[in-house]
PDB file of N, CA and C in Angstrom:
ATOM      1  N   UNK A   1      -1.201  13.223   7.011  1.00  0.00           N
ATOM      2  CA  UNK A   1      -1.585  12.158   6.091  1.00  0.00           C
ATOM      3  C   UNK A   1      -1.712  12.658   4.719  1.00  0.00           C
ATOM      4  N   UNK A   2      -1.064  12.045   3.710  1.00  0.00           N
ATOM      5  CA  UNK A   2      -1.323  12.524   2.337  1.00  0.00           C
ATOM      6  C   UNK A   2      -2.493  12.175   1.839  1.00  0.00           C
ATOM      7  N   UNK A   3      -2.968  12.680   0.672  1.00  0.00           N
ATOM      8  CA  UNK A   3      -4.361  12.414   0.045  1.00  0.00           C
ATOM      9  C   UNK A   3      -4.441  11.014  -0.340  1.00  0.00           C
ATOM     10  N   UNK A   4      -3.351  10.323  -0.820  1.00  0.00           N
ATOM     11  CA  UNK A   4      -3.447   8.917  -1.272  1.00  0.00           C
ATOM     12  C   UNK A   4      -3.802   8.094  -0.002  1.00  0.00           C
ATOM     13  N   UNK A   5      -3.060   8.402   1.067  1.00  0.00           N
ATOM     14  CA  UNK A   5      -3.285   7.628   2.295  1.00  0.00           C
ATOM     15  C   UNK A   5      -4.636   7.813   2.837  1.00  0.00           C
ATOM     16  N   UNK A   6      -5.186   9.070   2.800  1.00  0.00           N
ATOM     17  CA  UNK A   6      -6.508   9.197   3.248  1.00  0.00           C
ATOM     18  C   UNK A   6      -7.553   8.426   2.394  1.00  0.00           C
ATOM     19  N   UNK A   7      -7.373   8.447   1.032  1.00  0.00           N
ATOM     20  CA  UNK A   7      -8.195   7.691   0.169  1.00  0.00           C
ATOM     21  C   UNK A   7      -8.168   6.308   0.522  1.00  0.00           C
ATOM     22  N   UNK A   8      -7.007   5.676   0.602  1.00  0.00           N
ATOM     23  CA  UNK A   8      -6.923   4.303   0.889  1.00  0.00           C
ATOM     24  C   UNK A   8      -7.543   3.942   2.300  1.00  0.00           C
ATOM     25  N   UNK A   9      -7.180   4.731   3.309  1.00  0.00           N
ATOM     26  CA  UNK A   9      -7.839   4.369   4.682  1.00  0.00           C
ATOM     27  C   UNK A   9      -9.400   4.470   4.638  1.00  0.00           C
ATOM     28  N   UNK A  10      -9.856   5.528   3.844  1.00  0.00           N
ATOM     29  CA  UNK A  10     -11.405   5.564   3.791  1.00  0.00           C
ATOM     30  C   UNK A  10     -11.878   4.359   3.080  1.00  0.00           C
ATOM     31  N   UNK A  11     -11.293   3.946   2.090  1.00  0.00           N
ATOM     32  CA  UNK A  11     -11.774   2.725   1.405  1.00  0.00           C
ATOM     33  C   UNK A  11     -11.722   1.402   2.221  1.00  0.00           C
ATOM     34  N   UNK A  12     -10.526   1.382   3.067  1.00  0.00           N
ATOM     35  CA  UNK A  12     -10.417   0.175   3.983  1.00  0.00           C
ATOM     36  C   UNK A  12     -11.570   0.268   4.935  1.00  0.00           C
ATOM     37  N   UNK A  13     -11.852   1.298   5.509  1.00  0.00           N
ATOM     38  CA  UNK A  13     -12.862   1.462   6.525  1.00  0.00           C
ATOM     39  C   UNK A  13     -14.291   1.130   5.936  1.00  0.00           C
ATOM     40  N   UNK A  14     -14.555   1.703   4.740  1.00  0.00           N
ATOM     41  CA  UNK A  14     -15.867   1.421   4.121  1.00  0.00           C
ATOM     42  C   UNK A  14     -16.063  -0.008   3.669  1.00  0.00           C
ATOM     43  N   UNK A  15     -14.952  -0.729   3.435  1.00  0.00           N
ATOM     44  CA  UNK A  15     -14.943  -1.986   2.944  1.00  0.00           C
ATOM     45  C   UNK A  15     -14.719  -3.117   4.118  1.00  0.00           C
ATOM     46  N   UNK A  16     -14.319  -2.611   5.168  1.00  0.00           N
ATOM     47  CA  UNK A  16     -13.936  -3.418   6.332  1.00  0.00           C
ATOM     48  C   UNK A  16     -12.740  -4.168   6.232  1.00  0.00           C
ATOM     49  N   UNK A  17     -11.723  -3.628   5.606  1.00  0.00           N
ATOM     50  CA  UNK A  17     -10.476  -4.282   5.237  1.00  0.00           C
ATOM     51  C   UNK A  17      -9.395  -3.664   6.050  1.00  0.00           C
ATOM     52  N   UNK A  18      -8.639  -4.586   6.675  1.00  0.00           N
ATOM     53  CA  UNK A  18      -7.454  -4.037   7.546  1.00  0.00           C
ATOM     54  C   UNK A  18      -6.206  -4.208   6.947  1.00  0.00           C
ATOM     55  N   UNK A  19      -5.185  -3.393   7.352  1.00  0.00           N
ATOM     56  CA  UNK A  19      -3.822  -3.565   6.910  1.00  0.00           C
ATOM     57  C   UNK A  19      -3.266  -4.933   7.227  1.00  0.00           C
ATOM     58  N   UNK A  20      -3.597  -5.425   8.382  1.00  0.00           N
ATOM     59  CA  UNK A  20      -3.251  -6.737   8.895  1.00  0.00           C
ATOM     60  C   UNK A  20      -3.740  -7.846   7.866  1.00  0.00           C
ATOM     61  N   UNK A  21      -4.969  -7.624   7.566  1.00  0.00           N
ATOM     62  CA  UNK A  21      -5.638  -8.661   6.645  1.00  0.00           C
ATOM     63  C   UNK A  21      -4.901  -8.521   5.208  1.00  0.00           C
ATOM     64  N   UNK A  22      -4.616  -7.493   4.727  1.00  0.00           N
ATOM     65  CA  UNK A  22      -3.932  -7.451   3.546  1.00  0.00           C
ATOM     66  C   UNK A  22      -2.594  -7.976   3.601  1.00  0.00           C
ATOM     67  N   UNK A  23      -1.843  -7.768   4.686  1.00  0.00           N
ATOM     68  CA  UNK A  23      -0.584  -8.096   4.959  1.00  0.00           C
ATOM     69  C   UNK A  23      -0.531  -9.689   4.985  1.00  0.00           C
ATOM     70  N   UNK A  24      -1.484 -10.315   5.704  1.00  0.00           N
ATOM     71  CA  UNK A  24      -1.600 -11.746   5.734  1.00  0.00           C
ATOM     72  C   UNK A  24      -1.683 -12.376   4.351  1.00  0.00           C
ATOM     73  N   UNK A  25      -2.520 -11.829   3.456  1.00  0.00           N
ATOM     74  CA  UNK A  25      -2.760 -12.283   2.207  1.00  0.00           C
ATOM     75  C   UNK A  25      -1.410 -12.141   1.310  1.00  0.00           C
ATOM     76  N   UNK A  26      -0.675 -10.992   1.563  1.00  0.00           N
ATOM     77  CA  UNK A  26       0.633 -10.687   0.809  1.00  0.00           C
ATOM     78  C   UNK A  26       1.668 -11.440   1.459  1.00  0.00           C
ATOM     79  N   UNK A  27       1.634 -11.985   2.552  1.00  0.00           N
ATOM     80  CA  UNK A  27       2.652 -12.702   3.155  1.00  0.00           C
ATOM     81  C   UNK A  27       3.706 -11.851   3.632  1.00  0.00           C
ATOM     82  N   UNK A  28       3.432 -10.579   4.217  1.00  0.00           N
ATOM     83  CA  UNK A  28       4.330  -9.557   4.735  1.00  0.00           C
ATOM     84  C   UNK A  28       3.836  -9.090   6.058  1.00  0.00           C
ATOM     85  N   UNK A  29       4.574  -8.350   6.771  1.00  0.00           N
ATOM     86  CA  UNK A  29       4.231  -7.756   8.023  1.00  0.00           C
ATOM     87  C   UNK A  29       3.278  -6.641   7.769  1.00  0.00           C
ATOM     88  N   UNK A  30       2.407  -6.298   8.689  1.00  0.00           N
ATOM     89  CA  UNK A  30       1.458  -5.221   8.511  1.00  0.00           C
ATOM     90  C   UNK A  30       2.182  -3.771   8.322  1.00  0.00           C
ATOM     91  N   UNK A  31       3.488  -3.655   8.899  1.00  0.00           N
ATOM     92  CA  UNK A  31       4.147  -2.418   8.756  1.00  0.00           C
ATOM     93  C   UNK A  31       4.463  -2.234   7.369  1.00  0.00           C
ATOM     94  N   UNK A  32       4.758  -3.318   6.503  1.00  0.00           N
ATOM     95  CA  UNK A  32       5.108  -3.155   5.059  1.00  0.00           C
ATOM     96  C   UNK A  32       3.851  -2.507   4.352  1.00  0.00           C
ATOM     97  N   UNK A  33       2.689  -2.914   4.610  1.00  0.00           N
ATOM     98  CA  UNK A  33       1.493  -2.351   4.057  1.00  0.00           C
ATOM     99  C   UNK A  33       1.344  -0.963   4.418  1.00  0.00           C
ATOM    100  N   UNK A  34       1.641  -0.582   5.769  1.00  0.00           N
ATOM    101  CA  UNK A  34       1.551   0.755   6.236  1.00  0.00           C
ATOM    102  C   UNK A  34       2.606   1.676   5.545  1.00  0.00           C
ATOM    103  N   UNK A  35       3.788   1.258   5.428  1.00  0.00           N
ATOM    104  CA  UNK A  35       4.794   1.983   4.603  1.00  0.00           C
ATOM    105  C   UNK A  35       4.384   2.222   3.134  1.00  0.00           C
ATOM    106  N   UNK A  36       3.757   1.305   2.491  1.00  0.00           N
ATOM    107  CA  UNK A  36       3.325   1.491   1.069  1.00  0.00           C
ATOM    108  C   UNK A  36       2.066   2.537   1.049  1.00  0.00           C
ATOM    109  N   UNK A  37       1.097   2.317   1.981  1.00  0.00           N
ATOM    110  CA  UNK A  37      -0.023   3.146   1.992  1.00  0.00           C
ATOM    111  C   UNK A  37       0.334   4.679   2.311  1.00  0.00           C
ATOM    112  N   UNK A  38       1.270   4.855   3.202  1.00  0.00           N
ATOM    113  CA  UNK A  38       1.662   6.256   3.567  1.00  0.00           C
ATOM    114  C   UNK A  38       2.807   6.767   2.647  1.00  0.00           C
ATOM    115  N   UNK A  39       3.218   6.112   1.626  1.00  0.00           N
ATOM    116  CA  UNK A  39       4.109   6.568   0.661  1.00  0.00           C
ATOM    117  C   UNK A  39       5.634   6.527   1.121  1.00  0.00           C
ATOM    118  N   UNK A  40       5.902   5.942   2.203  1.00  0.00           N
ATOM    119  CA  UNK A  40       7.316   5.742   2.726  1.00  0.00           C
ATOM    120  C   UNK A  40       8.126   4.864   1.880  1.00  0.00           C
ATOM    121  N   UNK A  41       7.386   3.798   1.228  1.00  0.00           N
ATOM    122  CA  UNK A  41       8.156   2.813   0.474  1.00  0.00           C
ATOM    123  C   UNK A  41       7.285   2.705  -0.849  1.00  0.00           C
ATOM    124  N   UNK A  42       7.920   2.438  -1.904  1.00  0.00           N
ATOM    125  CA  UNK A  42       7.307   2.131  -3.214  1.00  0.00           C
ATOM    126  C   UNK A  42       7.440   0.756  -3.501  1.00  0.00           C
ATOM    127  N   UNK A  43       6.447  -0.025  -3.558  1.00  0.00           N
ATOM    128  CA  UNK A  43       6.444  -1.554  -3.906  1.00  0.00           C
ATOM    129  C   UNK A  43       5.367  -1.788  -4.944  1.00  0.00           C
ATOM    130  N   UNK A  44       5.771  -1.904  -6.138  1.00  0.00           N
ATOM    131  CA  UNK A  44       4.599  -2.234  -7.204  1.00  0.00           C
ATOM    132  C   UNK A  44       3.829  -3.386  -6.917  1.00  0.00           C
ATOM    133  N   UNK A  45       4.579  -4.488  -6.382  1.00  0.00           N
ATOM    134  CA  UNK A  45       3.946  -5.726  -5.927  1.00  0.00           C
ATOM    135  C   UNK A  45       2.847  -5.536  -4.925  1.00  0.00           C
ATOM    136  N   UNK A  46       3.258  -4.869  -3.870  1.00  0.00           N
ATOM    137  CA  UNK A  46       2.242  -4.532  -2.613  1.00  0.00           C
ATOM    138  C   UNK A  46       1.209  -3.583  -3.149  1.00  0.00           C
ATOM    139  N   UNK A  47       1.583  -2.592  -3.868  1.00  0.00           N
ATOM    140  CA  UNK A  47       0.502  -1.744  -4.394  1.00  0.00           C
ATOM    141  C   UNK A  47      -0.635  -2.526  -5.135  1.00  0.00           C
ATOM    142  N   UNK A  48      -0.192  -3.401  -5.969  1.00  0.00           N
ATOM    143  CA  UNK A  48      -1.126  -4.192  -6.680  1.00  0.00           C
ATOM    144  C   UNK A  48      -2.009  -4.958  -5.814  1.00  0.00           C
ATOM    145  N   UNK A  49      -1.481  -5.616  -4.758  1.00  0.00           N
ATOM    146  CA  UNK A  49      -2.251  -6.425  -3.760  1.00  0.00           C
ATOM    147  C   UNK A  49      -3.212  -5.619  -3.051  1.00  0.00           C
ATOM    148  N   UNK A  50      -2.716  -4.359  -2.602  1.00  0.00           N
ATOM    149  CA  UNK A  50      -3.640  -3.440  -1.878  1.00  0.00           C
ATOM    150  C   UNK A  50      -4.755  -2.984  -2.763  1.00  0.00           C
ATOM    151  N   UNK A  51      -4.498  -2.653  -3.926  1.00  0.00           N
ATOM    152  CA  UNK A  51      -5.542  -2.085  -5.019  1.00  0.00           C
ATOM    153  C   UNK A  51      -6.543  -3.282  -5.087  1.00  0.00           C
ATOM    154  N   UNK A  52      -6.108  -4.523  -5.330  1.00  0.00           N
ATOM    155  CA  UNK A  52      -7.052  -5.662  -5.577  1.00  0.00           C
ATOM    156  C   UNK A  52      -7.903  -5.921  -4.355  1.00  0.00           C
ATOM    157  N   UNK A  53      -7.241  -5.811  -3.169  1.00  0.00           N
ATOM    158  CA  UNK A  53      -8.197  -6.095  -1.893  1.00  0.00           C
ATOM    159  C   UNK A  53      -9.132  -4.848  -1.796  1.00  0.00           C
ATOM    160  N   UNK A  54      -8.931  -3.745  -2.321  1.00  0.00           N
ATOM    161  CA  UNK A  54      -9.849  -2.746  -2.095  1.00  0.00           C
ATOM    162  C   UNK A  54     -10.782  -2.627  -3.370  1.00  0.00           C
ATOM    163  N   UNK A  55     -10.696  -3.477  -4.372  1.00  0.00           N
ATOM    164  CA  UNK A  55     -11.480  -3.404  -5.476  1.00  0.00           C
ATOM    165  C   UNK A  55     -11.264  -2.304  -6.378  1.00  0.00           C
ATOM    166  N   UNK A  56      -9.936  -1.935  -6.501  1.00  0.00           N
ATOM    167  CA  UNK A  56      -9.501  -0.690  -7.220  1.00  0.00           C
ATOM    168  C   UNK A  56      -8.260  -1.115  -8.011  1.00  0.00           C
ATOM    169  N   UNK A  57      -7.757  -0.114  -8.706  1.00  0.00           N
ATOM    170  CA  UNK A  57      -6.471  -0.270  -9.473  1.00  0.00           C
ATOM    171  C   UNK A  57      -5.379   0.577  -8.773  1.00  0.00           C
ATOM    172  N   UNK A  58      -4.010   0.164  -9.071  1.00  0.00           N
ATOM    173  CA  UNK A  58      -3.014   1.030  -8.729  1.00  0.00           C
ATOM    174  C   UNK A  58      -3.080   2.367  -9.202  1.00  0.00           C
ATOM    175  N   UNK A  59      -3.422   2.531 -10.482  1.00  0.00           N
ATOM    176  CA  UNK A  59      -3.469   3.877 -11.121  1.00  0.00           C
ATOM    177  C   UNK A  59      -4.671   4.757 -10.365  1.00  0.00           C
ATOM    178  N   UNK A  60      -5.805   4.136 -10.009  1.00  0.00           N
ATOM    179  CA  UNK A  60      -6.831   4.792  -9.238  1.00  0.00           C
ATOM    180  C   UNK A  60      -6.337   5.408  -7.827  1.00  0.00           C
ATOM    181  N   UNK A  61      -5.533   4.501  -7.188  1.00  0.00           N
ATOM    182  CA  UNK A  61      -5.168   4.834  -5.870  1.00  0.00           C
ATOM    183  C   UNK A  61      -3.857   5.727  -5.843  1.00  0.00           C
ATOM    184  N   UNK A  62      -2.863   5.499  -6.640  1.00  0.00           N
ATOM    185  CA  UNK A  62      -1.686   6.180  -6.631  1.00  0.00           C
ATOM    186  C   UNK A  62      -1.483   7.036  -7.886  1.00  0.00           C
ATOM    187  N   UNK A  63      -1.488   8.279  -7.745  1.00  0.00           N
ATOM    188  CA  UNK A  63      -1.319   9.101  -9.038  1.00  0.00           C
ATOM    189  C   UNK A  63       0.141   9.162  -9.405  1.00  0.00           C
ATOM    190  N   UNK A  64       0.450   9.544 -10.602  1.00  0.00           N
ATOM    191  CA  UNK A  64       1.797   9.603 -11.011  1.00  0.00           C
ATOM    192  C   UNK A  64       2.773  10.254 -10.284  1.00  0.00           C
ATOM    193  N   UNK A  65       2.186  11.505  -9.698  1.00  0.00           N
ATOM    194  CA  UNK A  65       3.126  12.404  -9.005  1.00  0.00           C
ATOM    195  C   UNK A  65       3.512  11.822  -7.617  1.00  0.00           C
ATOM    196  N   UNK A  66       2.868  10.709  -7.064  1.00  0.00           N
ATOM    197  CA  UNK A  66       3.238  10.216  -5.871  1.00  0.00           C
ATOM    198  C   UNK A  66       4.076   8.960  -5.957  1.00  0.00           C
ATOM    199  N   UNK A  67       4.799   8.673  -6.925  1.00  0.00           N
ATOM    200  CA  UNK A  67       5.537   7.531  -7.167  1.00  0.00           C
ATOM    201  C   UNK A  67       6.863   7.463  -6.469  1.00  0.00           C
ATOM    202  N   UNK A  68       7.278   8.721  -5.924  1.00  0.00           N
ATOM    203  CA  UNK A  68       8.585   8.725  -5.305  1.00  0.00           C
ATOM    204  C   UNK A  68       8.443   8.455  -3.928  1.00  0.00           C
ATOM    205  N   UNK A  69       9.588   7.889  -3.237  1.00  0.00           N
ATOM    206  CA  UNK A  69       9.617   7.629  -1.782  1.00  0.00           C
ATOM    207  C   UNK A  69      11.014   7.633  -1.377  1.00  0.00           C
ATOM    208  N   UNK A  70      11.328   7.696  -0.049  1.00  0.00           N
ATOM    209  CA  UNK A  70      12.629   7.633   0.431  1.00  0.00           C
ATOM    210  C   UNK A  70      13.422   6.433   0.103  1.00  0.00           C
ATOM    211  N   UNK A  71      12.746   5.292  -0.024  1.00  0.00           N
ATOM    212  CA  UNK A  71      13.424   4.080  -0.322  1.00  0.00           C
ATOM    213  C   UNK A  71      12.369   3.182  -1.239  1.00  0.00           C
ATOM    214  N   UNK A  72      13.111   2.247  -1.912  1.00  0.00           N
ATOM    215  CA  UNK A  72      12.414   1.246  -2.839  1.00  0.00           C
ATOM    216  C   UNK A  72      12.622  -0.043  -2.221  1.00  0.00           C
ATOM    217  N   UNK A  73      11.680  -0.864  -2.305  1.00  0.00           N
ATOM    218  CA  UNK A  73      11.899  -2.221  -1.897  1.00  0.00           C
ATOM    219  C   UNK A  73      11.721  -3.187  -3.145  1.00  0.00           C
ATOM    220  N   UNK A  74      12.425  -4.320  -3.121  1.00  0.00           N
ATOM    221  CA  UNK A  74      12.103  -5.247  -4.190  1.00  0.00           C
ATOM    222  C   UNK A  74      10.749  -5.818  -4.024  1.00  0.00           C
ATOM    223  N   UNK A  75      10.288  -6.486  -5.048  1.00  0.00           N
ATOM    224  CA  UNK A  75       8.930  -7.050  -4.817  1.00  0.00           C
ATOM    225  C   UNK A  75       8.782  -8.015  -3.646  1.00  0.00           C
ATOM    226  N   UNK A  76       9.832  -8.866  -3.266  1.00  0.00           N
ATOM    227  CA  UNK A  76       9.717  -9.762  -2.233  1.00  0.00           C
ATOM    228  C   UNK A  76      10.483  -9.460  -1.109  1.00  0.00           C
ATOM    229  N   UNK A  77      11.403  -8.349  -1.228  1.00  0.00           N
ATOM    230  CA  UNK A  77      12.378  -8.068  -0.094  1.00  0.00           C
ATOM    231  C   UNK A  77      11.886  -7.501   1.025  1.00  0.00           C
ATOM    232  N   UNK A  78      12.594  -7.566   2.204  1.00  0.00           N
ATOM    233  CA  UNK A  78      12.194  -6.811   3.367  1.00  0.00           C
ATOM    234  C   UNK A  78      12.332  -5.322   3.284  1.00  0.00           C
ATOM    235  N   UNK A  79      11.756  -4.581   4.183  1.00  0.00           N
ATOM    236  CA  UNK A  79      11.895  -3.238   4.273  1.00  0.00           C
ATOM    237  C   UNK A  79      13.316  -2.929   4.616  1.00  0.00           C
ATOM    238  N   UNK A  80      13.950  -1.926   4.016  1.00  0.00           N
ATOM    239  CA  UNK A  80      15.383  -1.592   4.421  1.00  0.00           C
ATOM    240  C   UNK A  80      15.369  -0.316   5.271  1.00  0.00           C
ATOM    241  N   UNK A  81      15.951  -0.418   6.368  1.00  0.00           N
ATOM    242  CA  UNK A  81      15.940   0.584   7.300  1.00  0.00           C
ATOM    243  C   UNK A  81      16.792   1.628   7.133  1.00  0.00           C
TER     244      UNK A  81
END
């Protein structure tokens, strides 16, 4: 687990927030949130939603060096396999 994912997971536990709960609010599947948290997908839209739900900012949660991923998704598009 990368340091960003660890930080986000800790915040989620501390705040009692679940990936499923964030996904419901975002209108996406829980797996989409999981892919963003673990850095497998970069979605600025979902990053903003995750940060907001955790009372944080995208900049605080994701450092500049961690903006690359194997794939990118559009703000509203499904995950590409």
